[in-house]
PDB file of N, CA and C in Angstrom:
ATOM      1  N   MET A   1       0.850  -1.184   0.000  1.00  0.00           N
ATOM      2  CA  MET A   1       0.000   0.000   0.000  1.00  0.00           C
ATOM      3  C   MET A   1       0.891   1.242   0.000  1.00  0.00           C
ATOM      4  N   LYS A   2       0.536   2.192  -0.840  1.00  0.00           N
ATOM      5  CA  LYS A   2       1.293   3.445  -0.924  1.00  0.00           C
ATOM      6  C   LYS A   2       1.014   4.337   0.282  1.00  0.00           C
ATOM      7  N   THR A   3       1.980   5.196   0.570  1.00  0.00           N
ATOM      8  CA  THR A   3       1.782   6.198   1.613  1.00  0.00           C
ATOM      9  C   THR A   3       1.291   7.496   0.976  1.00  0.00           C
ATOM     10  N   ILE A   4       0.835   8.410   1.788  1.00  0.00           N
ATOM     11  CA  ILE A   4       0.355   9.698   1.272  1.00  0.00           C
ATOM     12  C   ILE A   4       1.483  10.446   0.564  1.00  0.00           C
ATOM     13  N   GLU A   5       2.719  10.299   1.063  1.00  0.00           N
ATOM     14  CA  GLU A   5       3.864  10.959   0.431  1.00  0.00           C
ATOM     15  C   GLU A   5       4.106  10.420  -0.979  1.00  0.00           C
ATOM     16  N   GLU A   6       3.923   9.113  -1.158  1.00  0.00           N
ATOM     17  CA  GLU A   6       4.103   8.522  -2.485  1.00  0.00           C
ATOM     18  C   GLU A   6       3.052   9.051  -3.457  1.00  0.00           C
ATOM     19  N   TYR A   7       1.841   9.218  -2.977  1.00  0.00           N
ATOM     20  CA  TYR A   7       0.809   9.801  -3.835  1.00  0.00           C
ATOM     21  C   TYR A   7       1.127  11.263  -4.154  1.00  0.00           C
ATOM     22  N   MET A   8       1.642  11.993  -3.185  1.00  0.00           N
ATOM     23  CA  MET A   8       1.997  13.401  -3.404  1.00  0.00           C
ATOM     24  C   MET A   8       3.081  13.548  -4.472  1.00  0.00           C
ATOM     25  N   ASN A   9       3.930  12.546  -4.626  1.00  0.00           N
ATOM     26  CA  ASN A   9       5.013  12.593  -5.609  1.00  0.00           C
ATOM     27  C   ASN A   9       4.626  12.026  -6.967  1.00  0.00           C
ATOM     28  N   ASP A  10       3.373  11.620  -7.121  1.00  0.00           N
ATOM     29  CA  ASP A  10       2.885  11.114  -8.406  1.00  0.00           C
ATOM     30  C   ASP A  10       3.010  12.218  -9.457  1.00  0.00           C
ATOM     31  N   PRO A  11       3.524  11.913 -10.651  1.00  0.00           N
ATOM     32  CA  PRO A  11       3.717  12.951 -11.680  1.00  0.00           C
ATOM     33  C   PRO A  11       2.433  13.706 -12.039  1.00  0.00           C
ATOM     34  N   ASP A  12       1.300  13.017 -12.071  1.00  0.00           N
ATOM     35  CA  ASP A  12       0.041  13.697 -12.390  1.00  0.00           C
ATOM     36  C   ASP A  12      -0.351  14.697 -11.304  1.00  0.00           C
ATOM     37  N   ILE A  13      -0.031  14.382 -10.074  1.00  0.00           N
ATOM     38  CA  ILE A  13      -0.389  15.253  -8.948  1.00  0.00           C
ATOM     39  C   ILE A  13       0.644  16.364  -8.769  1.00  0.00           C
ATOM     40  N   GLN A  14       1.889  16.113  -9.158  1.00  0.00           N
ATOM     41  CA  GLN A  14       2.968  17.096  -8.992  1.00  0.00           C
ATOM     42  C   GLN A  14       2.674  18.429  -9.674  1.00  0.00           C
ATOM     43  N   THR A  15       1.935  18.409 -10.770  1.00  0.00           N
ATOM     44  CA  THR A  15       1.683  19.633 -11.530  1.00  0.00           C
ATOM     45  C   THR A  15       0.576  20.494 -10.923  1.00  0.00           C
ATOM     46  N   MET A  16      -0.119  19.989  -9.909  1.00  0.00           N
ATOM     47  CA  MET A  16      -1.228  20.729  -9.295  1.00  0.00           C
ATOM     48  C   MET A  16      -0.720  21.685  -8.224  1.00  0.00           C
ATOM     49  N   PRO A  17      -1.515  22.706  -7.894  1.00  0.00           N
ATOM     50  CA  PRO A  17      -1.172  23.557  -6.747  1.00  0.00           C
ATOM     51  C   PRO A  17      -1.137  22.713  -5.463  1.00  0.00           C
ATOM     52  N   GLU A  18      -0.373  23.153  -4.487  1.00  0.00           N
ATOM     53  CA  GLU A  18      -0.150  22.383  -3.254  1.00  0.00           C
ATOM     54  C   GLU A  18      -1.446  21.950  -2.572  1.00  0.00           C
ATOM     55  N   TYR A  19      -2.394  22.876  -2.449  1.00  0.00           N
ATOM     56  CA  TYR A  19      -3.630  22.529  -1.737  1.00  0.00           C
ATOM     57  C   TYR A  19      -4.420  21.458  -2.481  1.00  0.00           C
ATOM     58  N   LEU A  20      -4.351  21.426  -3.796  1.00  0.00           N
ATOM     59  CA  LEU A  20      -5.030  20.379  -4.559  1.00  0.00           C
ATOM     60  C   LEU A  20      -4.261  19.064  -4.513  1.00  0.00           C
ATOM     61  N   ARG A  21      -2.949  19.146  -4.448  1.00  0.00           N
ATOM     62  CA  ARG A  21      -2.136  17.927  -4.365  1.00  0.00           C
ATOM     63  C   ARG A  21      -2.514  17.112  -3.141  1.00  0.00           C
ATOM     64  N   GLU A  22      -2.657  17.778  -2.009  1.00  0.00           N
ATOM     65  CA  GLU A  22      -3.002  17.072  -0.770  1.00  0.00           C
ATOM     66  C   GLU A  22      -4.375  16.418  -0.870  1.00  0.00           C
ATOM     67  N   ILE A  23      -5.333  17.139  -1.437  1.00  0.00           N
ATOM     68  CA  ILE A  23      -6.690  16.606  -1.567  1.00  0.00           C
ATOM     69  C   ILE A  23      -6.699  15.394  -2.491  1.00  0.00           C
ATOM     70  N   HIS A  24      -6.070  15.501  -3.642  1.00  0.00           N
ATOM     71  CA  HIS A  24      -6.067  14.390  -4.600  1.00  0.00           C
ATOM     72  C   HIS A  24      -5.277  13.198  -4.072  1.00  0.00           C
ATOM     73  N   ALA A  25      -4.172  13.446  -3.392  1.00  0.00           N
ATOM     74  CA  ALA A  25      -3.387  12.345  -2.833  1.00  0.00           C
ATOM     75  C   ALA A  25      -4.215  11.589  -1.787  1.00  0.00           C
ATOM     76  N   ALA A  26      -4.910  12.319  -0.926  1.00  0.00           N
ATOM     77  CA  ALA A  26      -5.752  11.675   0.092  1.00  0.00           C
ATOM     78  C   ALA A  26      -6.886  10.896  -0.558  1.00  0.00           C
ATOM     79  N   ARG A  27      -7.485  11.469  -1.589  1.00  0.00           N
ATOM     80  CA  ARG A  27      -8.574  10.792  -2.285  1.00  0.00           C
ATOM     81  C   ARG A  27      -8.091   9.478  -2.917  1.00  0.00           C
ATOM     82  N   HIS A  28      -6.927   9.519  -3.560  1.00  0.00           N
ATOM     83  CA  HIS A  28      -6.376   8.298  -4.163  1.00  0.00           C
ATOM     84  C   HIS A  28      -6.050   7.250  -3.097  1.00  0.00           C
ATOM     85  N   LEU A  29      -5.514   7.681  -1.982  1.00  0.00           N
ATOM     86  CA  LEU A  29      -5.195   6.750  -0.897  1.00  0.00           C
ATOM     87  C   LEU A  29      -6.455   6.045  -0.405  1.00  0.00           C
ATOM     88  N   ILE A  30      -7.512   6.810  -0.159  1.00  0.00           N
ATOM     89  CA  ILE A  30      -8.774   6.228   0.326  1.00  0.00           C
ATOM     90  C   ILE A  30      -9.363   5.285  -0.720  1.00  0.00           C
ATOM     91  N   GLN A  31      -9.315   5.690  -2.000  1.00  0.00           N
ATOM     92  CA  GLN A  31      -9.835   4.814  -3.055  1.00  0.00           C
ATOM     93  C   GLN A  31      -9.101   3.481  -3.082  1.00  0.00           C
ATOM     94  N   ASP A  32      -7.775   3.520  -2.965  1.00  0.00           N
ATOM     95  CA  ASP A  32      -7.006   2.279  -2.992  1.00  0.00           C
ATOM     96  C   ASP A  32      -7.288   1.407  -1.768  1.00  0.00           C
ATOM     97  N   GLU A  33      -7.505   2.031  -0.620  1.00  0.00           N
ATOM     98  CA  GLU A  33      -7.758   1.263   0.599  1.00  0.00           C
ATOM     99  C   GLU A  33      -9.156   0.652   0.623  1.00  0.00           C
ATOM    100  N   THR A  34     -10.101   1.236  -0.104  1.00  0.00           N
ATOM    101  CA  THR A  34     -11.485   0.762  -0.039  1.00  0.00           C
ATOM    102  C   THR A  34     -11.934   0.019  -1.295  1.00  0.00           C
ATOM    103  N   VAL A  35     -11.053  -0.178  -2.256  1.00  0.00           N
ATOM    104  CA  VAL A  35     -11.446  -0.854  -3.499  1.00  0.00           C
ATOM    105  C   VAL A  35     -11.931  -2.267  -3.188  1.00  0.00           C
ATOM    106  N   GLY A  36     -13.061  -2.631  -3.765  1.00  0.00           N
ATOM    107  CA  GLY A  36     -13.615  -3.971  -3.578  1.00  0.00           C
ATOM    108  C   GLY A  36     -14.430  -4.155  -2.314  1.00  0.00           C
ATOM    109  N   MET A  37     -14.555  -3.120  -1.497  1.00  0.00           N
ATOM    110  CA  MET A  37     -15.348  -3.233  -0.267  1.00  0.00           C
ATOM    111  C   MET A  37     -16.832  -3.060  -0.572  1.00  0.00           C
ATOM    112  N   SER A  38     -17.648  -3.751   0.211  1.00  0.00           N
ATOM    113  CA  SER A  38     -19.086  -3.530   0.112  1.00  0.00           C
ATOM    114  C   SER A  38     -19.408  -2.197   0.790  1.00  0.00           C
ATOM    115  N   ALA A  39     -20.625  -1.725   0.620  1.00  0.00           N
ATOM    116  CA  ALA A  39     -21.021  -0.458   1.236  1.00  0.00           C
ATOM    117  C   ALA A  39     -20.901  -0.540   2.753  1.00  0.00           C
ATOM    118  N   GLU A  40     -21.271  -1.681   3.330  1.00  0.00           N
ATOM    119  CA  GLU A  40     -21.184  -1.845   4.787  1.00  0.00           C
ATOM    120  C   GLU A  40     -19.732  -1.849   5.259  1.00  0.00           C
ATOM    121  N   GLU A  41     -18.868  -2.524   4.507  1.00  0.00           N
ATOM    122  CA  GLU A  41     -17.450  -2.557   4.863  1.00  0.00           C
ATOM    123  C   GLU A  41     -16.830  -1.176   4.758  1.00  0.00           C
ATOM    124  N   GLU A  42     -17.202  -0.444   3.721  1.00  0.00           N
ATOM    125  CA  GLU A  42     -16.653   0.900   3.550  1.00  0.00           C
ATOM    126  C   GLU A  42     -17.150   1.831   4.656  1.00  0.00           C
ATOM    127  N   ALA A  43     -18.411   1.697   5.062  1.00  0.00           N
ATOM    128  CA  ALA A  43     -18.937   2.503   6.162  1.00  0.00           C
ATOM    129  C   ALA A  43     -18.167   2.210   7.450  1.00  0.00           C
ATOM    130  N   LYS A  44     -17.890   0.924   7.720  1.00  0.00           N
ATOM    131  CA  LYS A  44     -17.104   0.552   8.907  1.00  0.00           C
ATOM    132  C   LYS A  44     -15.697   1.147   8.834  1.00  0.00           C
ATOM    133  N   TYR A  45     -15.088   1.098   7.642  1.00  0.00           N
ATOM    134  CA  TYR A  45     -13.752   1.651   7.429  1.00  0.00           C
ATOM    135  C   TYR A  45     -13.731   3.140   7.783  1.00  0.00           C
ATOM    136  N   HIS A  46     -14.702   3.898   7.239  1.00  0.00           N
ATOM    137  CA  HIS A  46     -14.730   5.341   7.478  1.00  0.00           C
ATOM    138  C   HIS A  46     -15.030   5.659   8.943  1.00  0.00           C
ATOM    139  N   ARG A  47     -15.896   4.879   9.575  1.00  0.00           N
ATOM    140  CA  ARG A  47     -16.161   5.079  11.006  1.00  0.00           C
ATOM    141  C   ARG A  47     -14.917   4.840  11.837  1.00  0.00           C
ATOM    142  N   LYS A  48     -14.194   3.763  11.515  1.00  0.00           N
ATOM    143  CA  LYS A  48     -12.963   3.443  12.253  1.00  0.00           C
ATOM    144  C   LYS A  48     -11.945   4.565  12.101  1.00  0.00           C
ATOM    145  N   LYS A  49     -11.760   5.053  10.881  1.00  0.00           N
ATOM    146  CA  LYS A  49     -10.802   6.140  10.644  1.00  0.00           C
ATOM    147  C   LYS A  49     -11.232   7.415  11.373  1.00  0.00           C
ATOM    148  N   THR A  50     -12.531   7.693  11.379  1.00  0.00           N
ATOM    149  CA  THR A  50     -13.033   8.871  12.085  1.00  0.00           C
ATOM    150  C   THR A  50     -12.806   8.737  13.580  1.00  0.00           C
ATOM    151  N   ASP A  51     -13.116   7.568  14.135  1.00  0.00           N
ATOM    152  CA  ASP A  51     -12.897   7.334  15.567  1.00  0.00           C
ATOM    153  C   ASP A  51     -11.428   7.491  15.936  1.00  0.00           C
ATOM    154  N   GLU A  52     -10.525   6.972  15.083  1.00  0.00           N
ATOM    155  CA  GLU A  52      -9.084   7.099  15.328  1.00  0.00           C
ATOM    156  C   GLU A  52      -8.656   8.565  15.315  1.00  0.00           C
ATOM    157  N   LEU A  53      -9.182   9.338  14.372  1.00  0.00           N
ATOM    158  CA  LEU A  53      -8.837  10.757  14.279  1.00  0.00           C
ATOM    159  C   LEU A  53      -9.316  11.507  15.515  1.00  0.00           C
ATOM    160  N   PHE A  54     -10.554  11.279  15.927  1.00  0.00           N
ATOM    161  CA  PHE A  54     -11.088  11.957  17.110  1.00  0.00           C
ATOM    162  C   PHE A  54     -10.272  11.592  18.351  1.00  0.00           C
ATOM    163  N   ALA A  55      -9.908  10.325  18.485  1.00  0.00           N
ATOM    164  CA  ALA A  55      -9.110   9.887  19.637  1.00  0.00           C
ATOM    165  C   ALA A  55      -7.740  10.561  19.612  1.00  0.00           C
ATOM    166  N   ARG A  56      -7.121  10.613  18.441  1.00  0.00           N
ATOM    167  CA  ARG A  56      -5.793  11.234  18.316  1.00  0.00           C
ATOM    168  C   ARG A  56      -5.841  12.717  18.661  1.00  0.00           C
ATOM    169  N   LEU A  57      -6.950  13.385  18.310  1.00  0.00           N
ATOM    170  CA  LEU A  57      -7.084  14.815  18.597  1.00  0.00           C
ATOM    171  C   LEU A  57      -7.618  15.091  19.999  1.00  0.00           C
ATOM    172  N   GLY A  58      -7.948  14.030  20.742  1.00  0.00           N
ATOM    173  CA  GLY A  58      -8.456  14.191  22.101  1.00  0.00           C
ATOM    174  C   GLY A  58      -9.892  14.704  22.149  1.00  0.00           C
ATOM    175  N   LEU A  59     -10.659  14.456  21.094  1.00  0.00           N
ATOM    176  CA  LEU A  59     -12.044  14.906  21.028  1.00  0.00           C
ATOM    177  C   LEU A  59     -12.982  13.782  21.461  1.00  0.00           C
ATOM    178  N   PRO A  60     -14.164  14.129  21.965  1.00  0.00           N
ATOM    179  CA  PRO A  60     -15.122  13.067  22.301  1.00  0.00           C
ATOM    180  C   PRO A  60     -15.554  12.330  21.035  1.00  0.00           C
ATOM    181  N   GLN A  61     -15.799  11.045  21.174  1.00  0.00           N
ATOM    182  CA  GLN A  61     -16.183  10.243  20.017  1.00  0.00           C
ATOM    183  C   GLN A  61     -17.501  10.740  19.430  1.00  0.00           C
ATOM    184  N   PRO A  62     -17.598  10.770  18.107  1.00  0.00           N
ATOM    185  CA  PRO A  62     -18.838  11.231  17.482  1.00  0.00           C
ATOM    186  C   PRO A  62     -19.972  10.249  17.729  1.00  0.00           C
ATOM    187  N   GLN A  63     -21.187  10.765  17.706  1.00  0.00           N
ATOM    188  CA  GLN A  63     -22.365   9.912  17.814  1.00  0.00           C
ATOM    189  C   GLN A  63     -22.907   9.720  16.406  1.00  0.00           C
ATOM    190  N   TYR A  64     -23.112   8.482  16.030  1.00  0.00           N
ATOM    191  CA  TYR A  64     -23.554   8.167  14.683  1.00  0.00           C
ATOM    192  C   TYR A  64     -25.061   7.940  14.660  1.00  0.00           C
ATOM    193  N   VAL A  65     -25.662   8.265  13.540  1.00  0.00           N
ATOM    194  CA  VAL A  65     -27.087   8.060  13.341  1.00  0.00           C
ATOM    195  C   VAL A  65     -27.282   6.726  12.650  1.00  0.00           C
ATOM    196  N   ASP A  66     -28.232   5.946  13.143  1.00  0.00           N
ATOM    197  CA  ASP A  66     -28.545   4.649  12.554  1.00  0.00           C
ATOM    198  C   ASP A  66     -29.873   4.762  11.805  1.00  0.00           C
ATOM    199  N   PHE A  67     -29.801   4.669  10.485  1.00  0.00           N
ATOM    200  CA  PHE A  67     -31.004   4.768   9.671  1.00  0.00           C
ATOM    201  C   PHE A  67     -31.587   3.397   9.339  1.00  0.00           C
ATOM    202  N   SER A  68     -31.177   2.369  10.048  1.00  0.00           N
ATOM    203  CA  SER A  68     -31.675   1.031   9.742  1.00  0.00           C
ATOM    204  C   SER A  68     -33.161   0.887  10.049  1.00  0.00           C
ATOM    205  N   GLY A  69     -33.721   1.772  10.830  1.00  0.00           N
ATOM    206  CA  GLY A  69     -35.149   1.737  11.136  1.00  0.00           C
ATOM    207  C   GLY A  69     -35.952   2.470  10.087  1.00  0.00           C
ATOM    208  N   GLN A  70     -35.665   2.225   8.824  1.00  0.00           N
ATOM    209  CA  GLN A  70     -36.356   2.808   7.685  1.00  0.00           C
ATOM    210  C   GLN A  70     -36.232   4.325   7.644  1.00  0.00           C
ATOM    211  N   GLY A  71     -35.101   4.826   8.101  1.00  0.00           N
ATOM    212  CA  GLY A  71     -34.825   6.244   7.977  1.00  0.00           C
ATOM    213  C   GLY A  71     -35.468   7.114   9.027  1.00  0.00           C
ATOM    214  N   ARG A  72     -36.084   6.511  10.022  1.00  0.00           N
ATOM    215  CA  ARG A  72     -36.723   7.310  11.058  1.00  0.00           C
ATOM    216  C   ARG A  72     -35.799   7.439  12.269  1.00  0.00           C
ATOM    217  N   LEU A  73     -35.616   8.655  12.708  1.00  0.00           N
ATOM    218  CA  LEU A  73     -34.793   8.897  13.894  1.00  0.00           C
ATOM    219  C   LEU A  73     -35.620   8.653  15.143  1.00  0.00           C
ATOM    220  N   ASP A  74     -34.977   8.051  16.133  1.00  0.00           N
ATOM    221  CA  ASP A  74     -35.621   7.878  17.437  1.00  0.00           C
ATOM    222  C   ASP A  74     -35.205   9.065  18.287  1.00  0.00           C
ATOM    223  N   LEU A  75     -36.038  10.095  18.313  1.00  0.00           N
ATOM    224  CA  LEU A  75     -35.708  11.337  19.011  1.00  0.00           C
ATOM    225  C   LEU A  75     -35.700  11.160  20.529  1.00  0.00           C
ATOM    226  N   THR A  76     -36.247  10.085  21.040  1.00  0.00           N
ATOM    227  CA  THR A  76     -36.250   9.864  22.490  1.00  0.00           C
ATOM    228  C   THR A  76     -34.872   9.457  22.984  1.00  0.00           C
ATOM    229  N   ARG A  77     -33.966   9.070  22.079  1.00  0.00           N
ATOM    230  CA  ARG A  77     -32.632   8.623  22.490  1.00  0.00           C
ATOM    231  C   ARG A  77     -31.581   9.718  22.393  1.00  0.00           C
ATOM    232  N   LEU A  78     -31.957  10.919  22.024  1.00  0.00           N
ATOM    233  CA  LEU A  78     -30.997  12.011  21.925  1.00  0.00           C
ATOM    234  C   LEU A  78     -30.527  12.427  23.321  1.00  0.00           C
ATOM    235  N   PRO A  79     -29.263  12.828  23.449  1.00  0.00           N
ATOM    236  CA  PRO A  79     -28.714  13.141  24.766  1.00  0.00           C
ATOM    237  C   PRO A  79     -29.196  14.471  25.348  1.00  0.00           C
ATOM    238  N   TYR A  80     -29.968  15.247  24.641  1.00  0.00           N
ATOM    239  CA  TYR A  80     -30.413  16.529  25.157  1.00  0.00           C
ATOM    240  C   TYR A  80     -31.898  16.643  25.164  1.00  0.00           C
TER     241      TYR A  80
END
């Protein structure tokens, strides 16, 4: 698996402005890591990465919405 630095050095990305290089390199990295995953697997992947980022930044873990109940939110379970 390539690192973000390897994607940043890709000849196609090298010609872009710096702020676009970072965005495209990250996008390519995520695409390569999630290729062949089902929608459920990809959702788990993104949740895991988000949880890791929040933990690394010392932020409280995000609360996720579960739409498995036919898209209806259970407002009685909200923390406020």
